[in-house]
Amino acid sequence: MSHKYLPGLAAALFVTLLALGLAQFLPLIGVAPLALLLGMVLGNSLLRAPQLSPGTKLAESRFLEYAIILLAFTMDTKNFGQMGLPSLAFVSLMFLLSLLASYRLAQKLGFSQDAATLLAGGTAICGSSAIGALSPMTQASEQEKGTAIVLVNLLGTLLMFLFPLAAVLLDLQDLQQAALIGGSLQSVGQVAAAANLLSPAILPLAMLFKLTRILYLVPVLFFLEFRKKEQATAPAKTTNPLQKVPYYLYGFILASLLNAWLDLPAPVSSSLQQLMTWLEWLALAAIGLRLDLRTFMKNAPIYGSYILVIGLVQFVLALLGIWAFGL
């Protein structure tokens, strides 16, 4: 590895370690949002230096892509058969309606088509990981990608506290609580934290709902790749339509199959999950370090509107889905 990457990687590691330490006092928030927020603050003050750019750019892009592949090893595919048709229909409808609602709302608020795509994918599928996977399929700028990741993380962190409270106030049963949390929250970590706020007993159910949503990342990536080819203005040579599909999508599919077919030893599975977690933390720290906070704050009212409206929309959709499918 070239020495030019080391300062930026060291800065991302420094921010991640700070977030890890701070998370000991704020365990409900977690390391990922803290790494992102600390990166934003330090990247626009003490760690604002051009020599950090190569390393933070590497961590921002490659580390999230590697984390997407390893994400497959977090999925307990052996338990997918327990979902049942009503639960599967609920997850599918929640994914589709959240995707469409997020995309349309983002466009109404003035986001570009590419930024709206990232927000929709991050909101409906799996947060930062989905945005990292979808961004190469778009022409979104670094600022737009970073903004999407910040908004989706803020949204998920807010809902992580509000949805468990709503579940208690509405006296939802275990399956309904799991559907509300696993069918709505953005990241795996947020689902786990919210489920544990209610009861550790609903955690496996909530994770099943969440991990089923993650599977929709595959068709969305294929759709965006084919749409990009159709929108190309220059005449294209006849090529294999799958030739330019990103490597991490194939890696995710292969890792999912291996995870389903092979009974990986618990230490191996745990190590892969820890590696995925660290890669995501480092990537989020790097994204925060690269984000222009002044530009971000200029549009704070618009960003706040997105978070509040889409959070309410997801809540209403989840309750309607729970009622409609008899969960």
C-alpha atoms as a PDB file:
ATOM      1  CA  MET A   1       0.000   0.000   0.000  1.00  0.00           C
ATOM      2  CA  SER A   2       1.283   3.443  -0.936  1.00  0.00           C
ATOM      3  CA  HIS A   3       2.401   5.696   1.922  1.00  0.00           C
ATOM      4  CA  LYS A   4       0.034   8.418   0.695  1.00  0.00           C
ATOM      5  CA  TYR A   5      -2.901   6.475   2.149  1.00  0.00           C
ATOM      6  CA  LEU A   6      -1.483   6.129   5.656  1.00  0.00           C
ATOM      7  CA  PRO A   7      -2.313   9.608   7.094  1.00  0.00           C
ATOM      8  CA  GLY A   8      -5.972   9.374   6.076  1.00  0.00           C
ATOM      9  CA  LEU A   9      -6.325   5.782   7.279  1.00  0.00           C
ATOM     10  CA  ALA A  10      -4.676   6.722  10.578  1.00  0.00           C
ATOM     11  CA  ALA A  11      -7.098   9.641  10.967  1.00  0.00           C
ATOM     12  CA  ALA A  12     -10.077   7.352  10.314  1.00  0.00           C
ATOM     13  CA  LEU A  13      -8.738   4.863  12.874  1.00  0.00           C
ATOM     14  CA  PHE A  14      -8.206   7.662  15.407  1.00  0.00           C
ATOM     15  CA  VAL A  15     -11.794   8.868  14.991  1.00  0.00           C
ATOM     16  CA  THR A  16     -13.103   5.294  15.240  1.00  0.00           C
ATOM     17  CA  LEU A  17     -11.208   4.674  18.478  1.00  0.00           C
ATOM     18  CA  LEU A  18     -12.580   7.938  19.900  1.00  0.00           C
ATOM     19  CA  ALA A  19     -16.087   6.829  18.946  1.00  0.00           C
ATOM     20  CA  LEU A  20     -15.478   3.415  20.500  1.00  0.00           C
ATOM     21  CA  GLY A  21     -14.444   5.062  23.763  1.00  0.00           C
ATOM     22  CA  LEU A  22     -17.370   7.489  23.743  1.00  0.00           C
ATOM     23  CA  ALA A  23     -19.783   4.631  23.032  1.00  0.00           C
ATOM     24  CA  GLN A  24     -18.919   3.164  26.429  1.00  0.00           C
ATOM     25  CA  PHE A  25     -20.827   6.101  27.927  1.00  0.00           C
ATOM     26  CA  LEU A  26     -23.500   6.213  25.189  1.00  0.00           C
ATOM     27  CA  PRO A  27     -24.091   2.511  24.443  1.00  0.00           C
ATOM     28  CA  LEU A  28     -27.575   2.987  23.008  1.00  0.00           C
ATOM     29  CA  ILE A  29     -26.315   5.314  20.274  1.00  0.00           C
ATOM     30  CA  GLY A  30     -23.499   2.988  19.235  1.00  0.00           C
ATOM     31  CA  VAL A  31     -20.125   3.400  17.574  1.00  0.00           C
ATOM     32  CA  ALA A  32     -21.280   3.880  13.958  1.00  0.00           C
ATOM     33  CA  PRO A  33     -23.260   7.147  14.382  1.00  0.00           C
ATOM     34  CA  LEU A  34     -20.622   8.478  16.788  1.00  0.00           C
ATOM     35  CA  ALA A  35     -17.803   7.751  14.312  1.00  0.00           C
ATOM     36  CA  LEU A  36     -19.728   9.593  11.615  1.00  0.00           C
ATOM     37  CA  LEU A  37     -20.506  12.621  13.796  1.00  0.00           C
ATOM     38  CA  LEU A  38     -17.008  12.838  15.310  1.00  0.00           C
ATOM     39  CA  GLY A  39     -15.556  12.592  11.812  1.00  0.00           C
ATOM     40  CA  MET A  40     -17.735  15.499  10.676  1.00  0.00           C
ATOM     41  CA  VAL A  41     -16.633  17.675  13.595  1.00  0.00           C
ATOM     42  CA  LEU A  42     -12.912  16.838  13.472  1.00  0.00           C
ATOM     43  CA  GLY A  43     -12.777  16.792   9.669  1.00  0.00           C
ATOM     44  CA  ASN A  44     -13.951  20.384   9.610  1.00  0.00           C
ATOM     45  CA  SER A  45     -11.600  21.531  12.386  1.00  0.00           C
ATOM     46  CA  LEU A  46      -8.522  19.761  13.792  1.00  0.00           C
ATOM     47  CA  LEU A  47      -8.224  17.122  11.058  1.00  0.00           C
ATOM     48  CA  ARG A  48      -8.866  19.368   8.067  1.00  0.00           C
ATOM     49  CA  ALA A  49      -5.790  18.626   5.938  1.00  0.00           C
ATOM     50  CA  PRO A  50      -5.378  17.764   2.224  1.00  0.00           C
ATOM     51  CA  GLN A  51      -2.850  14.997   2.932  1.00  0.00           C
ATOM     52  CA  LEU A  52      -5.622  12.991   4.598  1.00  0.00           C
ATOM     53  CA  SER A  53      -7.700  12.872   1.417  1.00  0.00           C
ATOM     54  CA  PRO A  54      -6.192   9.777  -0.328  1.00  0.00           C
ATOM     55  CA  GLY A  55      -6.563   7.578   2.741  1.00  0.00           C
ATOM     56  CA  THR A  56     -10.041   8.746   3.711  1.00  0.00           C
ATOM     57  CA  LYS A  57     -11.219   8.320   0.106  1.00  0.00           C
ATOM     58  CA  LEU A  58      -9.909   4.742   0.109  1.00  0.00           C
ATOM     59  CA  ALA A  59     -11.656   3.956   3.403  1.00  0.00           C
ATOM     60  CA  GLU A  60     -14.873   5.655   2.295  1.00  0.00           C
ATOM     61  CA  SER A  61     -15.233   3.600  -0.865  1.00  0.00           C
ATOM     62  CA  ARG A  62     -13.391   0.291  -0.554  1.00  0.00           C
ATOM     63  CA  PHE A  63     -14.058  -0.434   3.108  1.00  0.00           C
ATOM     64  CA  LEU A  64     -17.830  -0.115   2.681  1.00  0.00           C
ATOM     65  CA  GLU A  65     -17.690  -2.392  -0.365  1.00  0.00           C
ATOM     66  CA  TYR A  66     -15.767  -5.047   1.561  1.00  0.00           C
ATOM     67  CA  ALA A  67     -18.223  -4.677   4.456  1.00  0.00           C
ATOM     68  CA  ILE A  68     -21.110  -5.360   2.058  1.00  0.00           C
ATOM     69  CA  ILE A  69     -19.581  -8.728   1.142  1.00  0.00           C
ATOM     70  CA  LEU A  70     -19.043  -9.628   4.789  1.00  0.00           C
ATOM     71  CA  LEU A  71     -22.591  -8.518   5.606  1.00  0.00           C
ATOM     72  CA  ALA A  72     -23.752 -11.831   4.127  1.00  0.00           C
ATOM     73  CA  PHE A  73     -22.127 -13.673   7.026  1.00  0.00           C
ATOM     74  CA  THR A  74     -24.386 -11.856   9.507  1.00  0.00           C
ATOM     75  CA  MET A  75     -27.487 -13.401   7.945  1.00  0.00           C
ATOM     76  CA  ASP A  76     -28.896 -16.495   9.628  1.00  0.00           C
ATOM     77  CA  THR A  77     -30.261 -17.913   6.375  1.00  0.00           C
ATOM     78  CA  LYS A  78     -31.218 -21.197   8.018  1.00  0.00           C
ATOM     79  CA  ASN A  79     -34.068 -19.420   9.824  1.00  0.00           C
ATOM     80  CA  PHE A  80     -35.581 -17.678   6.794  1.00  0.00           C
ATOM     81  CA  GLY A  81     -38.067 -20.532   6.474  1.00  0.00           C
ATOM     82  CA  GLN A  82     -39.667 -19.394   9.717  1.00  0.00           C
ATOM     83  CA  MET A  83     -40.856 -16.135   8.165  1.00  0.00           C
ATOM     84  CA  GLY A  84     -44.196 -17.359   6.831  1.00  0.00           C
ATOM     85  CA  LEU A  85     -46.042 -15.820   3.891  1.00  0.00           C
ATOM     86  CA  PRO A  86     -47.743 -12.969   5.816  1.00  0.00           C
ATOM     87  CA  SER A  87     -44.421 -11.841   7.305  1.00  0.00           C
ATOM     88  CA  LEU A  88     -42.653 -12.127   3.943  1.00  0.00           C
ATOM     89  CA  ALA A  89     -45.421 -10.147   2.254  1.00  0.00           C
ATOM     90  CA  PHE A  90     -45.172  -7.490   4.975  1.00  0.00           C
ATOM     91  CA  VAL A  91     -41.411  -7.112   4.546  1.00  0.00           C
ATOM     92  CA  SER A  92     -41.691  -6.973   0.755  1.00  0.00           C
ATOM     93  CA  LEU A  93     -44.404  -4.327   0.839  1.00  0.00           C
ATOM     94  CA  MET A  94     -42.555  -2.276   3.464  1.00  0.00           C
ATOM     95  CA  PHE A  95     -39.403  -2.374   1.345  1.00  0.00           C
ATOM     96  CA  LEU A  96     -41.188  -1.320  -1.834  1.00  0.00           C
ATOM     97  CA  LEU A  97     -43.327   1.433  -0.306  1.00  0.00           C
ATOM     98  CA  SER A  98     -40.449   2.811   1.790  1.00  0.00           C
ATOM     99  CA  LEU A  99     -38.244   2.850  -1.310  1.00  0.00           C
ATOM    100  CA  LEU A 100     -40.822   4.709  -3.399  1.00  0.00           C
ATOM    101  CA  ALA A 101     -41.839   7.111  -0.622  1.00  0.00           C
ATOM    102  CA  SER A 102     -38.216   7.983   0.204  1.00  0.00           C
ATOM    103  CA  TYR A 103     -37.354   8.553  -3.447  1.00  0.00           C
ATOM    104  CA  ARG A 104     -40.381  10.756  -4.141  1.00  0.00           C
ATOM    105  CA  LEU A 105     -39.958  12.762  -0.925  1.00  0.00           C
ATOM    106  CA  ALA A 106     -36.269  13.375  -1.619  1.00  0.00           C
ATOM    107  CA  GLN A 107     -37.079  14.628  -5.115  1.00  0.00           C
ATOM    108  CA  LYS A 108     -39.857  16.880  -3.784  1.00  0.00           C
ATOM    109  CA  LEU A 109     -37.366  18.391  -1.325  1.00  0.00           C
ATOM    110  CA  GLY A 110     -34.950  19.232  -4.137  1.00  0.00           C
ATOM    111  CA  PHE A 111     -32.442  16.380  -3.992  1.00  0.00           C
ATOM    112  CA  SER A 112     -30.957  15.259  -7.294  1.00  0.00           C
ATOM    113  CA  GLN A 113     -32.108  11.981  -8.836  1.00  0.00           C
ATOM    114  CA  ASP A 114     -28.873  10.287  -7.783  1.00  0.00           C
ATOM    115  CA  ALA A 115     -29.033  11.600  -4.207  1.00  0.00           C
ATOM    116  CA  ALA A 116     -32.689  10.537  -3.996  1.00  0.00           C
ATOM    117  CA  THR A 117     -31.691   7.047  -5.137  1.00  0.00           C
ATOM    118  CA  LEU A 118     -29.089   6.787  -2.375  1.00  0.00           C
ATOM    119  CA  LEU A 119     -31.517   8.047   0.260  1.00  0.00           C
ATOM    120  CA  ALA A 120     -34.210   5.635  -0.880  1.00  0.00           C
ATOM    121  CA  GLY A 121     -31.858   2.648  -0.842  1.00  0.00           C
ATOM    122  CA  GLY A 122     -30.379   3.559   2.524  1.00  0.00           C
ATOM    123  CA  THR A 123     -33.803   4.111   4.075  1.00  0.00           C
ATOM    124  CA  ALA A 124     -35.522   1.031   2.664  1.00  0.00           C
ATOM    125  CA  ILE A 125     -32.740  -1.582   2.660  1.00  0.00           C
ATOM    126  CA  CYS A 126     -29.780  -1.396   5.028  1.00  0.00           C
ATOM    127  CA  GLY A 127     -28.544   2.104   5.768  1.00  0.00           C
ATOM    128  CA  SER A 128     -24.920   3.010   5.086  1.00  0.00           C
ATOM    129  CA  SER A 129     -24.135  -0.361   3.518  1.00  0.00           C
ATOM    130  CA  ALA A 130     -26.850   0.084   0.897  1.00  0.00           C
ATOM    131  CA  ILE A 131     -25.689   3.629   0.109  1.00  0.00           C
ATOM    132  CA  GLY A 132     -22.118   2.396  -0.276  1.00  0.00           C
ATOM    133  CA  ALA A 133     -23.311  -0.338  -2.624  1.00  0.00           C
ATOM    134  CA  LEU A 134     -25.577   1.893  -4.695  1.00  0.00           C
ATOM    135  CA  SER A 135     -23.329   4.947  -5.060  1.00  0.00           C
ATOM    136  CA  PRO A 136     -21.099   3.465  -7.827  1.00  0.00           C
ATOM    137  CA  MET A 137     -24.309   2.889  -9.812  1.00  0.00           C
ATOM    138  CA  THR A 138     -25.047   6.638  -9.753  1.00  0.00           C
ATOM    139  CA  GLN A 139     -23.332   9.925 -10.545  1.00  0.00           C
ATOM    140  CA  ALA A 140     -23.773  11.193  -6.983  1.00  0.00           C
ATOM    141  CA  SER A 141     -20.998  13.457  -5.697  1.00  0.00           C
ATOM    142  CA  GLU A 142     -18.978  12.712  -2.568  1.00  0.00           C
ATOM    143  CA  GLN A 143     -20.942  15.394  -0.721  1.00  0.00           C
ATOM    144  CA  GLU A 144     -24.259  13.842  -1.787  1.00  0.00           C
ATOM    145  CA  LYS A 145     -23.118  10.379  -0.729  1.00  0.00           C
ATOM    146  CA  GLY A 146     -21.889  11.661   2.619  1.00  0.00           C
ATOM    147  CA  THR A 147     -25.080  13.631   3.181  1.00  0.00           C
ATOM    148  CA  ALA A 148     -27.229  10.576   2.412  1.00  0.00           C
ATOM    149  CA  ILE A 149     -25.271   8.483   4.900  1.00  0.00           C
ATOM    150  CA  VAL A 150     -25.555  11.151   7.612  1.00  0.00           C
ATOM    151  CA  LEU A 151     -29.317  11.551   7.098  1.00  0.00           C
ATOM    152  CA  VAL A 152     -30.019   7.819   7.078  1.00  0.00           C
ATOM    153  CA  ASN A 153     -27.953   7.326  10.238  1.00  0.00           C
ATOM    154  CA  LEU A 154     -29.708  10.212  11.999  1.00  0.00           C
ATOM    155  CA  LEU A 155     -33.075   8.816  10.910  1.00  0.00           C
ATOM    156  CA  GLY A 156     -32.251   5.320  12.149  1.00  0.00           C
ATOM    157  CA  THR A 157     -30.886   6.595  15.456  1.00  0.00           C
ATOM    158  CA  LEU A 158     -34.040   8.643  16.076  1.00  0.00           C
ATOM    159  CA  LEU A 159     -36.377   5.764  15.195  1.00  0.00           C
ATOM    160  CA  MET A 160     -34.277   3.386  17.305  1.00  0.00           C
ATOM    161  CA  PHE A 161     -35.624   5.182  20.389  1.00  0.00           C
ATOM    162  CA  LEU A 162     -39.081   6.243  19.181  1.00  0.00           C
ATOM    163  CA  PHE A 163     -40.322   2.955  17.702  1.00  0.00           C
ATOM    164  CA  PRO A 164     -39.773   0.862  20.859  1.00  0.00           C
ATOM    165  CA  LEU A 165     -41.599   3.569  22.834  1.00  0.00           C
ATOM    166  CA  ALA A 166     -44.470   3.512  20.333  1.00  0.00           C
ATOM    167  CA  ALA A 167     -44.591  -0.298  20.473  1.00  0.00           C
ATOM    168  CA  VAL A 168     -45.063  -0.170  24.250  1.00  0.00           C
ATOM    169  CA  LEU A 169     -47.671   2.611  24.113  1.00  0.00           C
ATOM    170  CA  LEU A 170     -49.653   0.717  21.455  1.00  0.00           C
ATOM    171  CA  ASP A 171     -49.339  -2.550  23.406  1.00  0.00           C
ATOM    172  CA  LEU A 172     -48.000  -4.439  20.374  1.00  0.00           C
ATOM    173  CA  GLN A 173     -47.350  -8.172  20.685  1.00  0.00           C
ATOM    174  CA  ASP A 174     -43.898  -9.731  20.176  1.00  0.00           C
ATOM    175  CA  LEU A 175     -44.332 -10.472  16.452  1.00  0.00           C
ATOM    176  CA  GLN A 176     -45.780  -7.018  15.847  1.00  0.00           C
ATOM    177  CA  GLN A 177     -42.896  -5.362  17.693  1.00  0.00           C
ATOM    178  CA  ALA A 178     -40.395  -7.366  15.645  1.00  0.00           C
ATOM    179  CA  ALA A 179     -42.169  -6.409  12.413  1.00  0.00           C
ATOM    180  CA  LEU A 180     -42.230  -2.705  13.314  1.00  0.00           C
ATOM    181  CA  ILE A 181     -38.534  -2.615  14.190  1.00  0.00           C
ATOM    182  CA  GLY A 182     -37.083  -5.116  11.727  1.00  0.00           C
ATOM    183  CA  GLY A 183     -39.284  -3.902   8.886  1.00  0.00           C
ATOM    184  CA  SER A 184     -38.421  -0.229   9.324  1.00  0.00           C
ATOM    185  CA  LEU A 185     -35.084   0.585  10.974  1.00  0.00           C
ATOM    186  CA  GLN A 186     -32.129   1.207   8.714  1.00  0.00           C
ATOM    187  CA  SER A 187     -29.071  -0.656  10.020  1.00  0.00           C
ATOM    188  CA  VAL A 188     -28.620  -4.078  11.584  1.00  0.00           C
ATOM    189  CA  GLY A 189     -27.117  -2.465  14.686  1.00  0.00           C
ATOM    190  CA  GLN A 190     -30.106  -0.155  15.111  1.00  0.00           C
ATOM    191  CA  VAL A 191     -32.511  -3.100  14.838  1.00  0.00           C
ATOM    192  CA  ALA A 192     -30.548  -5.019  17.475  1.00  0.00           C
ATOM    193  CA  ALA A 193     -30.445  -2.035  19.845  1.00  0.00           C
ATOM    194  CA  ALA A 194     -34.153  -1.244  19.456  1.00  0.00           C
ATOM    195  CA  ALA A 195     -35.157  -4.891  19.924  1.00  0.00           C
ATOM    196  CA  ASN A 196     -33.106  -5.159  23.105  1.00  0.00           C
ATOM    197  CA  LEU A 197     -34.792  -2.027  24.459  1.00  0.00           C
ATOM    198  CA  LEU A 198     -38.072  -3.952  24.302  1.00  0.00           C
ATOM    199  CA  SER A 199     -37.072  -7.528  25.063  1.00  0.00           C
ATOM    200  CA  PRO A 200     -34.171  -9.785  24.062  1.00  0.00           C
ATOM    201  CA  ALA A 201     -36.823 -12.364  23.168  1.00  0.00           C
ATOM    202  CA  ILE A 202     -37.904 -10.432  20.056  1.00  0.00           C
ATOM    203  CA  LEU A 203     -34.353  -9.906  18.765  1.00  0.00           C
ATOM    204  CA  PRO A 204     -34.234 -13.078  16.577  1.00  0.00           C
ATOM    205  CA  LEU A 205     -37.625 -12.225  15.048  1.00  0.00           C
ATOM    206  CA  ALA A 206     -36.680  -8.602  14.402  1.00  0.00           C
ATOM    207  CA  MET A 207     -33.414  -9.684  12.772  1.00  0.00           C
ATOM    208  CA  LEU A 208     -35.303 -12.049  10.449  1.00  0.00           C
ATOM    209  CA  PHE A 209     -37.430  -9.156   9.212  1.00  0.00           C
ATOM    210  CA  LYS A 210     -34.337  -6.974   8.805  1.00  0.00           C
ATOM    211  CA  LEU A 211     -32.176  -9.539   7.035  1.00  0.00           C
ATOM    212  CA  THR A 212     -34.978 -10.334   4.604  1.00  0.00           C
ATOM    213  CA  ARG A 213     -34.955  -6.650   3.617  1.00  0.00           C
ATOM    214  CA  ILE A 214     -31.208  -6.830   3.020  1.00  0.00           C
ATOM    215  CA  LEU A 215     -31.753  -9.474   0.331  1.00  0.00           C
ATOM    216  CA  TYR A 216     -33.525  -6.835  -1.767  1.00  0.00           C
ATOM    217  CA  LEU A 217     -30.163  -5.113  -2.227  1.00  0.00           C
ATOM    218  CA  VAL A 218     -29.361  -7.622  -4.978  1.00  0.00           C
ATOM    219  CA  PRO A 219     -32.294  -6.890  -7.346  1.00  0.00           C
ATOM    220  CA  VAL A 220     -32.000  -3.138  -6.713  1.00  0.00           C
ATOM    221  CA  LEU A 221     -28.331  -3.182  -7.751  1.00  0.00           C
ATOM    222  CA  PHE A 222     -29.105  -5.159 -10.893  1.00  0.00           C
ATOM    223  CA  PHE A 223     -31.962  -2.772 -11.714  1.00  0.00           C
ATOM    224  CA  LEU A 224     -29.725   0.294 -11.366  1.00  0.00           C
ATOM    225  CA  GLU A 225     -26.999  -1.266 -13.490  1.00  0.00           C
ATOM    226  CA  PHE A 226     -29.412  -2.082 -16.313  1.00  0.00           C
ATOM    227  CA  ARG A 227     -31.075   1.333 -16.054  1.00  0.00           C
ATOM    228  CA  LYS A 228     -27.674   2.985 -16.354  1.00  0.00           C
ATOM    229  CA  LYS A 229     -27.000   1.053 -19.550  1.00  0.00           C
ATOM    230  CA  GLU A 230     -30.377   2.041 -21.010  1.00  0.00           C
ATOM    231  CA  GLN A 231     -29.808   5.725 -20.213  1.00  0.00           C
ATOM    232  CA  ALA A 232     -26.354   5.797 -21.820  1.00  0.00           C
ATOM    233  CA  THR A 233     -26.424   8.165 -24.791  1.00  0.00           C
ATOM    234  CA  ALA A 234     -23.406   6.729 -26.604  1.00  0.00           C
ATOM    235  CA  PRO A 235     -24.004   3.563 -28.648  1.00  0.00           C
ATOM    236  CA  ALA A 236     -22.674   0.653 -26.685  1.00  0.00           C
ATOM    237  CA  LYS A 237     -20.922  -2.378 -28.019  1.00  0.00           C
ATOM    238  CA  THR A 238     -22.657  -5.702 -27.609  1.00  0.00           C
ATOM    239  CA  THR A 239     -21.388  -7.007 -24.291  1.00  0.00           C
ATOM    240  CA  ASN A 240     -22.430  -9.353 -21.581  1.00  0.00           C
ATOM    241  CA  PRO A 241     -25.055  -7.366 -19.586  1.00  0.00           C
ATOM    242  CA  LEU A 242     -23.589  -8.675 -16.320  1.00  0.00           C
ATOM    243  CA  GLN A 243     -20.028  -7.669 -17.197  1.00  0.00           C
ATOM    244  CA  LYS A 244     -20.069  -4.334 -15.357  1.00  0.00           C
ATOM    245  CA  VAL A 245     -22.064  -5.406 -12.329  1.00  0.00           C
ATOM    246  CA  PRO A 246     -19.874  -4.426  -9.329  1.00  0.00           C
ATOM    247  CA  TYR A 247     -17.643  -7.095  -7.854  1.00  0.00           C
ATOM    248  CA  TYR A 248     -19.050  -6.698  -4.367  1.00  0.00           C
ATOM    249  CA  LEU A 249     -22.511  -7.784  -5.553  1.00  0.00           C
ATOM    250  CA  TYR A 250     -21.086 -11.085  -6.764  1.00  0.00           C
ATOM    251  CA  GLY A 251     -19.111 -11.273  -3.532  1.00  0.00           C
ATOM    252  CA  PHE A 252     -22.265 -10.719  -1.485  1.00  0.00           C
ATOM    253  CA  ILE A 253     -24.152 -13.428  -3.400  1.00  0.00           C
ATOM    254  CA  LEU A 254     -21.259 -15.898  -3.105  1.00  0.00           C
ATOM    255  CA  ALA A 255     -20.810 -15.169   0.603  1.00  0.00           C
ATOM    256  CA  SER A 256     -24.561 -15.635   1.143  1.00  0.00           C
ATOM    257  CA  LEU A 257     -24.447 -19.039  -0.549  1.00  0.00           C
ATOM    258  CA  LEU A 258     -21.393 -20.093   1.441  1.00  0.00           C
ATOM    259  CA  ASN A 259     -23.062 -18.953   4.641  1.00  0.00           C
ATOM    260  CA  ALA A 260     -26.164 -20.991   3.782  1.00  0.00           C
ATOM    261  CA  TRP A 261     -24.363 -24.149   2.645  1.00  0.00           C
ATOM    262  CA  LEU A 262     -21.441 -24.290   5.052  1.00  0.00           C
ATOM    263  CA  ASP A 263     -21.768 -24.628   8.777  1.00  0.00           C
ATOM    264  CA  LEU A 264     -19.047 -22.131   9.645  1.00  0.00           C
ATOM    265  CA  PRO A 265     -17.467 -22.555  13.085  1.00  0.00           C
ATOM    266  CA  ALA A 266     -18.715 -19.955  15.548  1.00  0.00           C
ATOM    267  CA  PRO A 267     -15.256 -18.317  15.974  1.00  0.00           C
ATOM    268  CA  VAL A 268     -14.902 -17.901  12.186  1.00  0.00           C
ATOM    269  CA  SER A 269     -18.389 -16.441  11.794  1.00  0.00           C
ATOM    270  CA  SER A 270     -17.826 -14.106  14.746  1.00  0.00           C
ATOM    271  CA  SER A 271     -14.470 -12.932  13.366  1.00  0.00           C
ATOM    272  CA  LEU A 272     -15.989 -12.158   9.952  1.00  0.00           C
ATOM    273  CA  GLN A 273     -18.788 -10.184  11.576  1.00  0.00           C
ATOM    274  CA  GLN A 274     -16.314  -8.223  13.703  1.00  0.00           C
ATOM    275  CA  LEU A 275     -14.221  -7.453  10.614  1.00  0.00           C
ATOM    276  CA  MET A 276     -17.350  -6.209   8.824  1.00  0.00           C
ATOM    277  CA  THR A 277     -18.213  -4.011  11.794  1.00  0.00           C
ATOM    278  CA  TRP A 278     -14.734  -2.437  11.934  1.00  0.00           C
ATOM    279  CA  LEU A 279     -14.687  -1.814   8.186  1.00  0.00           C
ATOM    280  CA  GLU A 280     -18.046  -0.043   8.451  1.00  0.00           C
ATOM    281  CA  TRP A 281     -16.889   2.043  11.419  1.00  0.00           C
ATOM    282  CA  LEU A 282     -13.705   3.104   9.609  1.00  0.00           C
ATOM    283  CA  ALA A 283     -15.662   3.928   6.453  1.00  0.00           C
ATOM    284  CA  LEU A 284     -18.172   6.050   8.365  1.00  0.00           C
ATOM    285  CA  ALA A 285     -15.365   7.891  10.161  1.00  0.00           C
ATOM    286  CA  ALA A 286     -13.732   8.599   6.782  1.00  0.00           C
ATOM    287  CA  ILE A 287     -17.025   9.803   5.299  1.00  0.00           C
ATOM    288  CA  GLY A 288     -17.448  12.197   8.217  1.00  0.00           C
ATOM    289  CA  LEU A 289     -13.894  13.472   7.766  1.00  0.00           C
ATOM    290  CA  ARG A 290     -14.588  14.222   4.085  1.00  0.00           C
ATOM    291  CA  LEU A 291     -17.988  15.887   4.515  1.00  0.00           C
ATOM    292  CA  ASP A 292     -18.151  19.687   4.165  1.00  0.00           C
ATOM    293  CA  LEU A 293     -20.070  20.671   7.290  1.00  0.00           C
ATOM    294  CA  ARG A 294     -20.747  24.225   6.111  1.00  0.00           C
ATOM    295  CA  THR A 295     -22.469  22.990   2.954  1.00  0.00           C
ATOM    296  CA  PHE A 296     -24.391  20.441   5.006  1.00  0.00           C
ATOM    297  CA  MET A 297     -25.661  23.008   7.517  1.00  0.00           C
ATOM    298  CA  LYS A 298     -26.912  25.346   4.777  1.00  0.00           C
ATOM    299  CA  ASN A 299     -29.576  22.762   3.940  1.00  0.00           C
ATOM    300  CA  ALA A 300     -30.333  21.653   7.516  1.00  0.00           C
ATOM    301  CA  PRO A 301     -34.086  22.553   7.354  1.00  0.00           C
ATOM    302  CA  ILE A 302     -34.521  20.414   4.231  1.00  0.00           C
ATOM    303  CA  TYR A 303     -32.629  17.534   5.798  1.00  0.00           C
ATOM    304  CA  GLY A 304     -34.686  17.793   8.982  1.00  0.00           C
ATOM    305  CA  SER A 305     -37.874  17.713   6.925  1.00  0.00           C
ATOM    306  CA  TYR A 306     -36.759  14.524   5.197  1.00  0.00           C
ATOM    307  CA  ILE A 307     -35.985  12.775   8.492  1.00  0.00           C
ATOM    308  CA  LEU A 308     -39.256  13.760  10.184  1.00  0.00           C
ATOM    309  CA  VAL A 309     -41.551  13.054   7.234  1.00  0.00           C
ATOM    310  CA  ILE A 310     -40.045   9.740   6.153  1.00  0.00           C
ATOM    311  CA  GLY A 311     -39.878   8.567   9.768  1.00  0.00           C
ATOM    312  CA  LEU A 312     -43.606   9.233  10.153  1.00  0.00           C
ATOM    313  CA  VAL A 313     -44.346   7.595   6.790  1.00  0.00           C
ATOM    314  CA  GLN A 314     -42.441   4.447   7.756  1.00  0.00           C
ATOM    315  CA  PHE A 315     -44.277   4.282  11.087  1.00  0.00           C
ATOM    316  CA  VAL A 316     -47.713   4.572   9.449  1.00  0.00           C
ATOM    317  CA  LEU A 317     -46.810   2.072   6.715  1.00  0.00           C
ATOM    318  CA  ALA A 318     -45.580  -0.439   9.284  1.00  0.00           C
ATOM    319  CA  LEU A 319     -48.748  -0.185  11.383  1.00  0.00           C
ATOM    320  CA  LEU A 320     -50.962  -0.518   8.308  1.00  0.00           C
ATOM    321  CA  GLY A 321     -48.938  -3.516   7.135  1.00  0.00           C
ATOM    322  CA  ILE A 322     -49.136  -5.210  10.532  1.00  0.00           C
ATOM    323  CA  TRP A 323     -52.911  -4.763  10.484  1.00  0.00           C
ATOM    324  CA  ALA A 324     -53.370  -5.757   6.825  1.00  0.00           C
ATOM    325  CA  PHE A 325     -51.353  -8.987   7.086  1.00  0.00           C
ATOM    326  CA  GLY A 326     -52.674  -9.954  10.491  1.00  0.00           C
ATOM    327  CA  LEU A 327     -49.296 -10.088  12.221  1.00  0.00           C
END
